[in-house]
N, C-alpha and C. Protein backbone atom coordinates (compact mmCIF):
# COMPACT_ATOMS: atom_id res chain seq x y z
N MET A 1 -19.15 93.59 3.31
CA MET A 1 -19.48 92.53 4.26
C MET A 1 -20.16 91.38 3.52
N PRO A 2 -19.81 90.18 3.94
CA PRO A 2 -20.41 89.04 3.24
C PRO A 2 -21.92 89.02 3.47
N THR A 3 -22.58 88.71 2.45
CA THR A 3 -24.03 88.61 2.53
C THR A 3 -24.44 87.18 2.87
N ARG A 4 -25.71 87.01 3.14
CA ARG A 4 -26.22 85.67 3.46
C ARG A 4 -26.03 84.73 2.29
N LEU A 5 -26.13 85.33 1.07
CA LEU A 5 -25.94 84.48 -0.12
C LEU A 5 -24.53 83.94 -0.19
N ASP A 6 -23.58 84.79 0.19
CA ASP A 6 -22.19 84.30 0.19
C ASP A 6 -22.00 83.19 1.20
N ASP A 7 -22.64 83.27 2.35
CA ASP A 7 -22.54 82.20 3.35
C ASP A 7 -23.12 80.89 2.84
N LEU A 8 -24.24 81.02 2.16
CA LEU A 8 -24.85 79.78 1.61
C LEU A 8 -23.97 79.16 0.54
N GLU A 9 -23.39 80.02 -0.31
CA GLU A 9 -22.52 79.49 -1.36
C GLU A 9 -21.30 78.79 -0.73
N ARG A 10 -20.78 79.39 0.33
CA ARG A 10 -19.63 78.77 0.99
C ARG A 10 -20.02 77.43 1.63
N GLN A 11 -21.18 77.40 2.23
CA GLN A 11 -21.63 76.16 2.86
C GLN A 11 -21.87 75.07 1.80
N PHE A 12 -22.46 75.52 0.68
CA PHE A 12 -22.67 74.54 -0.40
C PHE A 12 -21.33 74.03 -0.94
N GLY A 13 -20.36 74.93 -1.01
CA GLY A 13 -19.03 74.51 -1.48
C GLY A 13 -18.39 73.52 -0.52
N ASP A 14 -18.50 73.79 0.77
CA ASP A 14 -17.96 72.85 1.77
C ASP A 14 -18.66 71.50 1.70
N LEU A 15 -19.98 71.58 1.52
CA LEU A 15 -20.75 70.32 1.44
C LEU A 15 -20.37 69.52 0.20
N ALA A 16 -20.15 70.24 -0.92
CA ALA A 16 -19.75 69.55 -2.16
C ALA A 16 -18.39 68.89 -1.99
N THR A 17 -17.48 69.59 -1.30
CA THR A 17 -16.15 69.01 -1.05
C THR A 17 -16.25 67.78 -0.16
N GLU A 18 -17.10 67.89 0.86
CA GLU A 18 -17.28 66.76 1.77
C GLU A 18 -17.88 65.56 1.04
N LEU A 19 -18.87 65.84 0.20
CA LEU A 19 -19.48 64.75 -0.58
C LEU A 19 -18.48 64.11 -1.54
N SER A 20 -17.63 64.97 -2.13
CA SER A 20 -16.61 64.44 -3.04
C SER A 20 -15.64 63.53 -2.30
N ASP A 21 -15.25 63.98 -1.09
CA ASP A 21 -14.35 63.16 -0.28
C ASP A 21 -15.02 61.84 0.10
N GLN A 22 -16.28 61.90 0.44
CA GLN A 22 -17.00 60.66 0.78
C GLN A 22 -17.10 59.72 -0.42
N ASP A 23 -17.35 60.32 -1.60
CA ASP A 23 -17.40 59.49 -2.81
C ASP A 23 -16.06 58.79 -3.05
N ALA A 24 -14.96 59.53 -2.82
CA ALA A 24 -13.64 58.93 -2.99
C ALA A 24 -13.42 57.81 -1.98
N THR A 25 -13.87 58.05 -0.75
CA THR A 25 -13.72 57.02 0.29
C THR A 25 -14.54 55.78 -0.05
N LEU A 26 -15.77 56.01 -0.52
CA LEU A 26 -16.61 54.87 -0.92
C LEU A 26 -16.01 54.10 -2.08
N ALA A 27 -15.43 54.83 -3.04
CA ALA A 27 -14.78 54.16 -4.18
C ALA A 27 -13.60 53.31 -3.71
N GLU A 28 -12.86 53.89 -2.73
CA GLU A 28 -11.73 53.13 -2.18
C GLU A 28 -12.21 51.88 -1.44
N ILE A 29 -13.30 52.06 -0.70
CA ILE A 29 -13.88 50.90 0.00
C ILE A 29 -14.36 49.85 -0.98
N ASP A 30 -15.00 50.29 -2.06
CA ASP A 30 -15.46 49.34 -3.08
C ASP A 30 -14.27 48.59 -3.69
N GLY A 31 -13.19 49.34 -3.94
CA GLY A 31 -12.00 48.68 -4.49
C GLY A 31 -11.43 47.65 -3.54
N ARG A 32 -11.36 48.02 -2.25
CA ARG A 32 -10.86 47.06 -1.25
C ARG A 32 -11.79 45.86 -1.14
N ALA A 33 -13.10 46.12 -1.23
CA ALA A 33 -14.06 45.02 -1.15
C ALA A 33 -13.89 44.06 -2.32
N THR A 34 -13.62 44.66 -3.51
CA THR A 34 -13.38 43.80 -4.67
C THR A 34 -12.13 42.95 -4.49
N GLU A 35 -11.08 43.57 -3.94
CA GLU A 35 -9.85 42.82 -3.69
C GLU A 35 -10.09 41.71 -2.67
N ILE A 36 -10.82 42.02 -1.61
CA ILE A 36 -11.11 41.01 -0.58
C ILE A 36 -11.94 39.88 -1.16
N ALA A 37 -12.91 40.24 -2.02
CA ALA A 37 -13.74 39.21 -2.65
C ALA A 37 -12.89 38.29 -3.53
N ALA A 38 -11.92 38.89 -4.24
CA ALA A 38 -11.02 38.08 -5.09
C ALA A 38 -10.16 37.16 -4.22
N ILE A 39 -9.69 37.68 -3.09
CA ILE A 39 -8.89 36.86 -2.19
C ILE A 39 -9.72 35.70 -1.63
N ILE A 40 -10.94 36.01 -1.22
CA ILE A 40 -11.82 34.96 -0.69
C ILE A 40 -12.11 33.90 -1.75
N ALA A 41 -12.34 34.36 -2.99
CA ALA A 41 -12.59 33.41 -4.08
C ALA A 41 -11.38 32.51 -4.31
N GLY A 42 -10.16 33.13 -4.23
CA GLY A 42 -8.95 32.33 -4.39
C GLY A 42 -8.79 31.32 -3.27
N VAL A 43 -9.10 31.76 -2.04
CA VAL A 43 -9.01 30.84 -0.91
C VAL A 43 -10.01 29.70 -1.05
N ASP A 44 -11.23 30.03 -1.47
CA ASP A 44 -12.25 29.00 -1.67
C ASP A 44 -11.82 28.00 -2.74
N GLU A 45 -11.23 28.53 -3.81
CA GLU A 45 -10.76 27.64 -4.88
C GLU A 45 -9.64 26.74 -4.39
N HIS A 46 -8.74 27.32 -3.60
CA HIS A 46 -7.64 26.53 -3.05
C HIS A 46 -8.16 25.45 -2.10
N LEU A 47 -9.11 25.84 -1.26
CA LEU A 47 -9.69 24.86 -0.33
C LEU A 47 -10.41 23.76 -1.10
N ALA A 48 -11.07 24.12 -2.19
CA ALA A 48 -11.74 23.11 -3.00
C ALA A 48 -10.73 22.14 -3.61
N ASP A 49 -9.59 22.69 -4.07
CA ASP A 49 -8.54 21.83 -4.62
C ASP A 49 -7.97 20.91 -3.55
N VAL A 50 -7.74 21.48 -2.36
CA VAL A 50 -7.21 20.67 -1.26
C VAL A 50 -8.20 19.57 -0.88
N ASP A 51 -9.48 19.93 -0.82
CA ASP A 51 -10.50 18.95 -0.47
C ASP A 51 -10.58 17.84 -1.52
N ALA A 52 -10.50 18.23 -2.80
CA ALA A 52 -10.54 17.23 -3.87
C ALA A 52 -9.32 16.31 -3.80
N ALA A 53 -8.15 16.91 -3.55
CA ALA A 53 -6.93 16.10 -3.44
C ALA A 53 -7.00 15.16 -2.24
N ALA A 54 -7.53 15.68 -1.12
CA ALA A 54 -7.66 14.85 0.07
C ALA A 54 -8.64 13.71 -0.16
N SER A 55 -9.73 14.00 -0.85
CA SER A 55 -10.72 12.96 -1.14
C SER A 55 -10.13 11.89 -2.05
N ALA A 56 -9.38 12.34 -3.06
CA ALA A 56 -8.75 11.38 -3.97
C ALA A 56 -7.73 10.53 -3.25
N ARG A 57 -6.95 11.18 -2.37
CA ARG A 57 -5.96 10.43 -1.59
C ARG A 57 -6.62 9.44 -0.66
N ALA A 58 -7.71 9.86 -0.04
CA ALA A 58 -8.43 8.96 0.86
C ALA A 58 -9.00 7.77 0.10
N ALA A 59 -9.52 8.03 -1.10
CA ALA A 59 -10.05 6.93 -1.91
C ALA A 59 -8.95 5.96 -2.32
N ALA A 60 -7.79 6.49 -2.70
CA ALA A 60 -6.66 5.63 -3.07
C ALA A 60 -6.18 4.81 -1.88
N LEU A 61 -6.09 5.45 -0.71
CA LEU A 61 -5.68 4.73 0.49
C LEU A 61 -6.70 3.67 0.86
N GLY A 62 -7.98 4.00 0.67
CA GLY A 62 -9.02 2.99 0.93
C GLY A 62 -8.88 1.78 0.02
N ASN A 63 -8.57 2.03 -1.25
CA ASN A 63 -8.35 0.92 -2.18
C ASN A 63 -7.13 0.10 -1.78
N GLN A 64 -6.06 0.79 -1.37
CA GLN A 64 -4.87 0.07 -0.94
C GLN A 64 -5.16 -0.81 0.27
N LEU A 65 -5.99 -0.29 1.18
CA LEU A 65 -6.37 -1.07 2.35
C LEU A 65 -7.17 -2.31 1.93
N GLU A 66 -8.06 -2.14 0.99
CA GLU A 66 -8.85 -3.28 0.51
C GLU A 66 -7.95 -4.30 -0.19
N VAL A 67 -6.99 -3.81 -0.97
CA VAL A 67 -6.06 -4.72 -1.63
C VAL A 67 -5.25 -5.49 -0.59
N SER A 68 -4.85 -4.82 0.48
CA SER A 68 -4.12 -5.49 1.55
C SER A 68 -4.98 -6.58 2.19
N ARG A 69 -6.26 -6.31 2.34
CA ARG A 69 -7.17 -7.34 2.88
C ARG A 69 -7.24 -8.54 1.95
N VAL A 70 -7.30 -8.27 0.66
CA VAL A 70 -7.35 -9.37 -0.32
C VAL A 70 -6.06 -10.18 -0.26
N ILE A 71 -4.93 -9.50 -0.14
CA ILE A 71 -3.65 -10.20 -0.05
C ILE A 71 -3.61 -11.08 1.20
N ASP A 72 -4.09 -10.56 2.32
CA ASP A 72 -4.13 -11.34 3.55
C ASP A 72 -5.04 -12.56 3.40
N LEU A 73 -6.18 -12.36 2.79
CA LEU A 73 -7.11 -13.48 2.61
C LEU A 73 -6.55 -14.54 1.68
N THR A 74 -5.92 -14.12 0.59
CA THR A 74 -5.34 -15.10 -0.33
C THR A 74 -4.16 -15.83 0.30
N ALA A 75 -3.39 -15.13 1.13
CA ALA A 75 -2.28 -15.78 1.82
C ALA A 75 -2.81 -16.83 2.79
N ARG A 76 -3.89 -16.49 3.49
CA ARG A 76 -4.47 -17.47 4.42
C ARG A 76 -5.09 -18.63 3.65
N ALA A 77 -5.70 -18.33 2.50
CA ALA A 77 -6.27 -19.41 1.68
C ALA A 77 -5.16 -20.36 1.20
N ARG A 78 -4.00 -19.81 0.87
CA ARG A 78 -2.86 -20.66 0.47
C ARG A 78 -2.48 -21.60 1.62
N LEU A 79 -2.49 -21.06 2.84
CA LEU A 79 -2.16 -21.89 4.00
C LEU A 79 -3.21 -22.98 4.20
N PHE A 80 -4.48 -22.63 4.03
CA PHE A 80 -5.53 -23.63 4.17
C PHE A 80 -5.40 -24.71 3.10
N LEU A 81 -5.03 -24.33 1.89
CA LEU A 81 -4.80 -25.33 0.84
C LEU A 81 -3.67 -26.27 1.23
N TYR A 82 -2.61 -25.71 1.79
CA TYR A 82 -1.48 -26.52 2.23
C TYR A 82 -1.91 -27.50 3.31
N GLN A 83 -2.85 -27.08 4.15
CA GLN A 83 -3.35 -27.94 5.22
C GLN A 83 -4.50 -28.82 4.77
N ALA A 84 -4.86 -28.76 3.49
CA ALA A 84 -5.97 -29.53 2.92
C ALA A 84 -7.31 -29.13 3.53
N ASN A 85 -7.44 -27.91 4.05
CA ASN A 85 -8.71 -27.39 4.54
C ASN A 85 -9.39 -26.64 3.40
N TYR A 86 -9.92 -27.40 2.44
CA TYR A 86 -10.43 -26.79 1.22
C TYR A 86 -11.67 -25.93 1.48
N GLY A 87 -12.50 -26.32 2.43
CA GLY A 87 -13.68 -25.52 2.73
C GLY A 87 -13.32 -24.13 3.23
N LEU A 88 -12.36 -24.05 4.15
CA LEU A 88 -11.93 -22.75 4.65
C LEU A 88 -11.24 -21.94 3.56
N ALA A 89 -10.49 -22.62 2.70
CA ALA A 89 -9.84 -21.93 1.59
C ALA A 89 -10.88 -21.32 0.65
N ILE A 90 -11.94 -22.07 0.36
CA ILE A 90 -13.00 -21.56 -0.51
C ILE A 90 -13.67 -20.33 0.11
N ASP A 91 -13.93 -20.40 1.42
CA ASP A 91 -14.58 -19.26 2.10
C ASP A 91 -13.73 -17.99 1.95
N ASP A 92 -12.43 -18.11 2.18
CA ASP A 92 -11.56 -16.94 2.07
C ASP A 92 -11.47 -16.43 0.64
N LEU A 93 -11.44 -17.34 -0.31
CA LEU A 93 -11.34 -16.94 -1.71
C LEU A 93 -12.61 -16.21 -2.17
N VAL A 94 -13.76 -16.67 -1.71
CA VAL A 94 -15.02 -16.01 -2.08
C VAL A 94 -15.03 -14.57 -1.56
N VAL A 95 -14.63 -14.39 -0.29
CA VAL A 95 -14.60 -13.05 0.29
C VAL A 95 -13.56 -12.19 -0.42
N ALA A 96 -12.38 -12.76 -0.68
CA ALA A 96 -11.32 -11.99 -1.34
C ALA A 96 -11.75 -11.52 -2.72
N LYS A 97 -12.40 -12.39 -3.48
CA LYS A 97 -12.83 -12.01 -4.84
C LYS A 97 -13.92 -10.94 -4.77
N ALA A 98 -14.82 -11.05 -3.80
CA ALA A 98 -15.88 -10.03 -3.68
C ALA A 98 -15.29 -8.67 -3.35
N ILE A 99 -14.32 -8.64 -2.45
CA ILE A 99 -13.67 -7.37 -2.10
C ILE A 99 -12.93 -6.80 -3.31
N LEU A 100 -12.22 -7.66 -4.01
CA LEU A 100 -11.43 -7.21 -5.16
C LEU A 100 -12.32 -6.66 -6.27
N ASP A 101 -13.44 -7.34 -6.53
CA ASP A 101 -14.34 -6.90 -7.59
C ASP A 101 -15.02 -5.58 -7.25
N ALA A 102 -15.16 -5.27 -5.95
CA ALA A 102 -15.83 -4.04 -5.54
C ALA A 102 -14.92 -2.82 -5.58
N ILE A 103 -13.63 -3.02 -5.79
CA ILE A 103 -12.69 -1.90 -5.82
C ILE A 103 -12.83 -1.13 -7.14
N ASP A 104 -12.85 0.21 -7.03
CA ASP A 104 -12.91 1.07 -8.22
C ASP A 104 -11.49 1.51 -8.58
N PRO A 105 -10.92 0.96 -9.64
CA PRO A 105 -9.52 1.30 -9.98
C PRO A 105 -9.33 2.77 -10.35
N THR A 106 -10.40 3.45 -10.77
CA THR A 106 -10.24 4.85 -11.15
C THR A 106 -9.89 5.73 -9.95
N SER A 107 -10.10 5.23 -8.74
CA SER A 107 -9.75 5.99 -7.54
C SER A 107 -8.30 5.79 -7.13
N GLY A 108 -7.59 4.93 -7.83
CA GLY A 108 -6.18 4.68 -7.51
C GLY A 108 -6.04 3.51 -6.55
N GLY A 109 -4.78 3.21 -6.23
CA GLY A 109 -4.50 2.11 -5.33
C GLY A 109 -4.27 0.79 -6.02
N ILE A 110 -4.81 0.62 -7.22
CA ILE A 110 -4.64 -0.59 -8.02
C ILE A 110 -5.08 -0.27 -9.44
N THR A 111 -4.44 -0.90 -10.40
CA THR A 111 -4.82 -0.70 -11.80
C THR A 111 -5.93 -1.67 -12.17
N SER A 112 -6.72 -1.28 -13.16
CA SER A 112 -7.82 -2.15 -13.60
C SER A 112 -7.28 -3.46 -14.18
N GLU A 113 -6.11 -3.39 -14.83
CA GLU A 113 -5.54 -4.62 -15.40
C GLU A 113 -5.19 -5.62 -14.31
N ILE A 114 -4.55 -5.14 -13.24
CA ILE A 114 -4.16 -6.03 -12.15
C ILE A 114 -5.40 -6.57 -11.46
N ARG A 115 -6.36 -5.71 -11.21
CA ARG A 115 -7.58 -6.16 -10.52
C ARG A 115 -8.29 -7.24 -11.32
N ASP A 116 -8.45 -7.01 -12.63
CA ASP A 116 -9.18 -7.97 -13.46
C ASP A 116 -8.41 -9.28 -13.58
N ALA A 117 -7.08 -9.19 -13.74
CA ALA A 117 -6.28 -10.41 -13.88
C ALA A 117 -6.29 -11.22 -12.59
N ALA A 118 -6.14 -10.55 -11.45
CA ALA A 118 -6.16 -11.26 -10.17
C ALA A 118 -7.53 -11.86 -9.90
N SER A 119 -8.58 -11.12 -10.22
CA SER A 119 -9.94 -11.63 -10.01
C SER A 119 -10.20 -12.86 -10.87
N ALA A 120 -9.71 -12.85 -12.11
CA ALA A 120 -9.88 -14.00 -12.99
C ALA A 120 -9.15 -15.23 -12.44
N ARG A 121 -7.97 -15.02 -11.87
CA ARG A 121 -7.21 -16.14 -11.29
C ARG A 121 -7.92 -16.68 -10.05
N LEU A 122 -8.50 -15.80 -9.26
CA LEU A 122 -9.24 -16.27 -8.09
C LEU A 122 -10.47 -17.09 -8.52
N ALA A 123 -11.12 -16.64 -9.60
CA ALA A 123 -12.26 -17.40 -10.11
C ALA A 123 -11.84 -18.79 -10.57
N LEU A 124 -10.70 -18.87 -11.25
CA LEU A 124 -10.19 -20.17 -11.69
C LEU A 124 -9.83 -21.05 -10.49
N SER A 125 -9.25 -20.46 -9.48
CA SER A 125 -8.90 -21.22 -8.29
C SER A 125 -10.15 -21.76 -7.61
N LEU A 126 -11.18 -20.94 -7.51
CA LEU A 126 -12.44 -21.41 -6.91
C LEU A 126 -13.06 -22.53 -7.74
N ALA A 127 -12.97 -22.42 -9.06
CA ALA A 127 -13.55 -23.43 -9.93
C ALA A 127 -12.83 -24.77 -9.79
N SER A 128 -11.58 -24.75 -9.36
CA SER A 128 -10.80 -25.99 -9.24
C SER A 128 -10.98 -26.68 -7.91
N LEU A 129 -11.59 -26.00 -6.96
CA LEU A 129 -11.76 -26.58 -5.63
C LEU A 129 -13.15 -27.21 -5.49
N PRO A 130 -13.21 -28.33 -4.74
CA PRO A 130 -12.12 -28.99 -4.00
C PRO A 130 -11.45 -30.14 -4.75
N ASP A 131 -11.86 -30.37 -6.01
CA ASP A 131 -11.41 -31.57 -6.71
C ASP A 131 -9.98 -31.48 -7.21
N ARG A 132 -9.52 -30.28 -7.56
CA ARG A 132 -8.17 -30.12 -8.11
C ARG A 132 -7.39 -29.07 -7.30
N PRO A 133 -6.98 -29.44 -6.11
CA PRO A 133 -6.31 -28.46 -5.23
C PRO A 133 -4.98 -27.97 -5.75
N VAL A 134 -4.25 -28.83 -6.47
CA VAL A 134 -2.95 -28.41 -6.99
C VAL A 134 -3.13 -27.31 -8.03
N LEU A 135 -4.08 -27.49 -8.94
CA LEU A 135 -4.37 -26.46 -9.95
C LEU A 135 -4.90 -25.20 -9.29
N ALA A 136 -5.74 -25.37 -8.27
CA ALA A 136 -6.26 -24.22 -7.54
C ALA A 136 -5.13 -23.43 -6.88
N ALA A 137 -4.16 -24.14 -6.33
CA ALA A 137 -3.03 -23.47 -5.69
C ALA A 137 -2.21 -22.70 -6.71
N ASP A 138 -2.05 -23.24 -7.91
CA ASP A 138 -1.28 -22.55 -8.94
C ASP A 138 -1.95 -21.21 -9.31
N ASP A 139 -3.26 -21.25 -9.56
CA ASP A 139 -3.96 -20.01 -9.90
C ASP A 139 -3.97 -19.04 -8.73
N LEU A 140 -4.10 -19.55 -7.53
CA LEU A 140 -4.08 -18.69 -6.34
C LEU A 140 -2.73 -18.02 -6.17
N ASN A 141 -1.67 -18.76 -6.41
CA ASN A 141 -0.32 -18.19 -6.31
C ASN A 141 -0.13 -17.06 -7.33
N VAL A 142 -0.66 -17.24 -8.53
CA VAL A 142 -0.54 -16.20 -9.56
C VAL A 142 -1.30 -14.95 -9.12
N ALA A 143 -2.52 -15.12 -8.61
CA ALA A 143 -3.30 -13.98 -8.15
C ALA A 143 -2.60 -13.25 -7.01
N TRP A 144 -2.09 -14.01 -6.07
CA TRP A 144 -1.38 -13.41 -4.93
C TRP A 144 -0.16 -12.64 -5.39
N GLN A 145 0.60 -13.21 -6.33
CA GLN A 145 1.81 -12.55 -6.81
C GLN A 145 1.48 -11.28 -7.58
N LEU A 146 0.40 -11.30 -8.35
CA LEU A 146 -0.02 -10.09 -9.08
C LEU A 146 -0.31 -8.95 -8.12
N LEU A 147 -1.02 -9.26 -7.05
CA LEU A 147 -1.37 -8.22 -6.08
C LEU A 147 -0.16 -7.73 -5.31
N VAL A 148 0.73 -8.65 -4.94
CA VAL A 148 1.93 -8.27 -4.19
C VAL A 148 2.84 -7.40 -5.05
N ASP A 149 3.01 -7.78 -6.31
CA ASP A 149 3.88 -7.00 -7.20
C ASP A 149 3.32 -5.61 -7.46
N ASP A 150 2.00 -5.47 -7.38
CA ASP A 150 1.38 -4.17 -7.68
C ASP A 150 1.33 -3.27 -6.46
N THR A 151 1.57 -3.82 -5.28
CA THR A 151 1.52 -3.00 -4.08
C THR A 151 2.87 -2.36 -3.81
N ALA A 152 2.84 -1.24 -3.10
CA ALA A 152 4.08 -0.54 -2.76
C ALA A 152 4.54 -0.86 -1.36
N ASP A 153 3.91 -1.82 -0.71
CA ASP A 153 4.24 -2.14 0.68
C ASP A 153 5.31 -3.22 0.69
N PRO A 154 6.57 -2.92 1.05
CA PRO A 154 7.61 -3.94 1.04
C PRO A 154 7.37 -5.02 2.06
N ALA A 155 6.66 -4.70 3.15
CA ALA A 155 6.40 -5.73 4.16
C ALA A 155 5.51 -6.82 3.60
N VAL A 156 4.54 -6.43 2.73
CA VAL A 156 3.68 -7.43 2.11
C VAL A 156 4.45 -8.22 1.07
N ALA A 157 5.30 -7.55 0.32
CA ALA A 157 6.06 -8.22 -0.74
C ALA A 157 7.04 -9.24 -0.16
N SER A 158 7.43 -9.08 1.11
CA SER A 158 8.40 -10.00 1.71
C SER A 158 7.74 -11.16 2.42
N LEU A 159 6.42 -11.35 2.18
CA LEU A 159 5.71 -12.45 2.82
C LEU A 159 6.36 -13.76 2.41
N PRO A 160 6.70 -14.64 3.35
CA PRO A 160 7.37 -15.88 3.00
C PRO A 160 6.45 -16.79 2.21
N PRO A 161 7.01 -17.60 1.33
CA PRO A 161 6.18 -18.50 0.52
C PRO A 161 5.56 -19.60 1.37
N VAL A 162 4.41 -20.06 0.93
CA VAL A 162 3.74 -21.16 1.61
C VAL A 162 4.33 -22.46 1.10
N PRO A 163 4.58 -23.46 1.97
CA PRO A 163 5.12 -24.74 1.53
C PRO A 163 4.18 -25.40 0.53
N PRO A 164 4.66 -26.39 -0.23
CA PRO A 164 3.82 -27.06 -1.21
C PRO A 164 2.68 -27.81 -0.54
N LEU A 165 1.66 -28.14 -1.33
CA LEU A 165 0.53 -28.88 -0.81
C LEU A 165 0.97 -30.23 -0.29
N ALA A 166 0.17 -30.74 0.66
CA ALA A 166 0.52 -32.03 1.25
C ALA A 166 0.59 -33.13 0.20
N SER A 167 -0.27 -33.04 -0.84
CA SER A 167 -0.28 -34.06 -1.88
C SER A 167 0.94 -33.99 -2.77
N GLU A 168 1.69 -32.86 -2.71
CA GLU A 168 2.86 -32.70 -3.56
C GLU A 168 4.15 -33.00 -2.82
N GLN A 169 4.10 -33.22 -1.52
CA GLN A 169 5.33 -33.46 -0.77
C GLN A 169 5.85 -34.86 -1.06
N PRO A 170 7.15 -35.04 -1.17
CA PRO A 170 7.71 -36.36 -1.40
C PRO A 170 7.51 -37.24 -0.17
N ALA A 171 7.51 -38.54 -0.42
CA ALA A 171 7.35 -39.48 0.68
C ALA A 171 8.51 -39.35 1.66
N ALA A 172 8.16 -39.41 2.94
CA ALA A 172 9.19 -39.27 3.97
C ALA A 172 10.05 -40.51 4.03
N VAL A 173 11.30 -40.32 4.26
CA VAL A 173 12.25 -41.43 4.38
C VAL A 173 12.53 -41.64 5.85
N ASP A 174 12.30 -42.87 6.34
CA ASP A 174 12.53 -43.18 7.74
C ASP A 174 14.02 -43.45 7.92
N THR A 175 14.68 -42.48 8.48
CA THR A 175 16.13 -42.62 8.66
C THR A 175 16.48 -43.44 9.88
N ASP A 176 15.46 -43.81 10.70
CA ASP A 176 15.76 -44.59 11.90
C ASP A 176 15.90 -46.08 11.61
N VAL A 177 15.39 -46.50 10.45
CA VAL A 177 15.46 -47.91 10.10
C VAL A 177 16.74 -48.15 9.32
N VAL A 178 17.64 -48.92 9.87
CA VAL A 178 18.91 -49.22 9.23
C VAL A 178 19.02 -50.72 9.07
N ALA A 179 19.36 -51.17 7.86
CA ALA A 179 19.47 -52.60 7.61
C ALA A 179 20.60 -53.18 8.44
N PRO A 180 20.37 -54.36 9.04
CA PRO A 180 21.43 -54.97 9.87
C PRO A 180 22.63 -55.35 9.02
N VAL A 181 23.80 -55.23 9.58
CA VAL A 181 25.05 -55.56 8.89
C VAL A 181 25.79 -56.61 9.71
N ASP A 182 26.18 -57.72 9.06
CA ASP A 182 26.92 -58.76 9.75
C ASP A 182 28.34 -58.28 10.00
N VAL A 183 28.75 -58.28 11.22
CA VAL A 183 30.08 -57.85 11.60
C VAL A 183 30.85 -59.05 12.10
N VAL A 184 31.99 -59.33 11.51
CA VAL A 184 32.85 -60.44 11.91
C VAL A 184 33.86 -59.93 12.89
N ALA A 185 33.78 -60.42 14.11
CA ALA A 185 34.70 -59.95 15.14
C ALA A 185 36.09 -60.50 14.89
N PRO A 186 37.12 -59.73 15.08
CA PRO A 186 38.50 -60.24 14.90
C PRO A 186 38.85 -61.24 16.00
N ALA A 187 39.88 -62.03 15.73
CA ALA A 187 40.28 -63.07 16.69
C ALA A 187 40.69 -62.45 18.00
N GLY A 188 41.46 -61.33 17.96
CA GLY A 188 41.85 -60.64 19.18
C GLY A 188 40.96 -59.44 19.42
N ASP A 189 41.22 -58.77 20.52
CA ASP A 189 40.42 -57.59 20.81
C ASP A 189 41.06 -56.32 20.31
N GLY A 190 42.15 -56.48 19.54
CA GLY A 190 42.76 -55.31 18.94
C GLY A 190 43.93 -54.79 19.72
N THR A 191 44.18 -55.32 20.95
CA THR A 191 45.31 -54.85 21.74
C THR A 191 46.53 -55.68 21.43
N PRO A 192 47.72 -55.14 21.63
CA PRO A 192 48.95 -55.91 21.32
C PRO A 192 49.05 -57.19 22.14
N ALA A 193 48.66 -57.16 23.41
CA ALA A 193 48.77 -58.35 24.25
C ALA A 193 47.88 -59.47 23.73
N ALA A 194 46.67 -59.08 23.35
CA ALA A 194 45.75 -60.10 22.84
C ALA A 194 46.25 -60.66 21.52
N ASP A 195 46.83 -59.85 20.68
CA ASP A 195 47.33 -60.33 19.39
C ASP A 195 48.47 -61.31 19.60
N GLU A 196 49.38 -61.03 20.58
CA GLU A 196 50.51 -61.93 20.83
C GLU A 196 50.00 -63.26 21.38
N ALA A 197 48.97 -63.19 22.22
CA ALA A 197 48.42 -64.42 22.78
C ALA A 197 47.82 -65.27 21.69
N THR A 198 47.13 -64.64 20.77
CA THR A 198 46.51 -65.38 19.68
C THR A 198 47.57 -66.01 18.79
N THR A 199 48.65 -65.28 18.53
CA THR A 199 49.72 -65.81 17.69
C THR A 199 50.39 -66.99 18.36
N GLY A 200 50.58 -66.87 19.69
CA GLY A 200 51.19 -67.97 20.44
C GLY A 200 50.35 -69.20 20.41
N ASP A 201 49.06 -69.09 20.53
CA ASP A 201 48.17 -70.26 20.51
C ASP A 201 48.24 -70.94 19.13
N ALA A 202 48.32 -70.13 18.10
CA ALA A 202 48.37 -70.72 16.75
C ALA A 202 49.67 -71.46 16.56
N THR A 203 50.81 -71.00 17.14
CA THR A 203 52.10 -71.67 16.99
C THR A 203 52.12 -72.99 17.75
N ALA A 204 51.52 -72.95 18.95
CA ALA A 204 51.49 -74.16 19.75
C ALA A 204 50.67 -75.24 19.07
N ASP A 205 49.59 -74.84 18.42
CA ASP A 205 48.77 -75.84 17.73
C ASP A 205 49.51 -76.43 16.54
N GLY A 206 50.40 -75.66 15.97
CA GLY A 206 51.14 -76.16 14.81
C GLY A 206 52.18 -77.12 15.25
């Protein structure tokens, strides 16, 4: 008959088996936890990449928006120059240059070369106003064209050109003034009856 010692040994054996099974379960749980942690880390890294890409895209789009504002301001300044409104043209050019200079080309949307070249042309245009509007218009046109060529917006690139300055337009020709011309009326009125009558009168006089 089994003794009490045998019962204890059997119970200890069962307990050891149970503990071993629990250790295996815990090891499996630890392994799954490690896998889950790796997945979470991968998701976090992916989200960080997405966030960085979105931020970069937003910065580039912001720069493009600012460039579009500069293009609009320079286009309006060209119109003001055409209308000889030099004060309004100067105001728009000052704002356009300030916006352009504040753009960070490293964020995209415009290259540093284009920004610096266009800004330099705007500065030259401002320096020429109001005494030399024709020269100011030339530099402004160069700045506007640099920005338009650098943008990817076809609607902006198709902006119609501004007419020449009023000081550059040729003198108007008054087509309503016509020099008088002496017209000699014929002896007859051009009809056959009148011509025969005229011929008859000339024969009778002879």
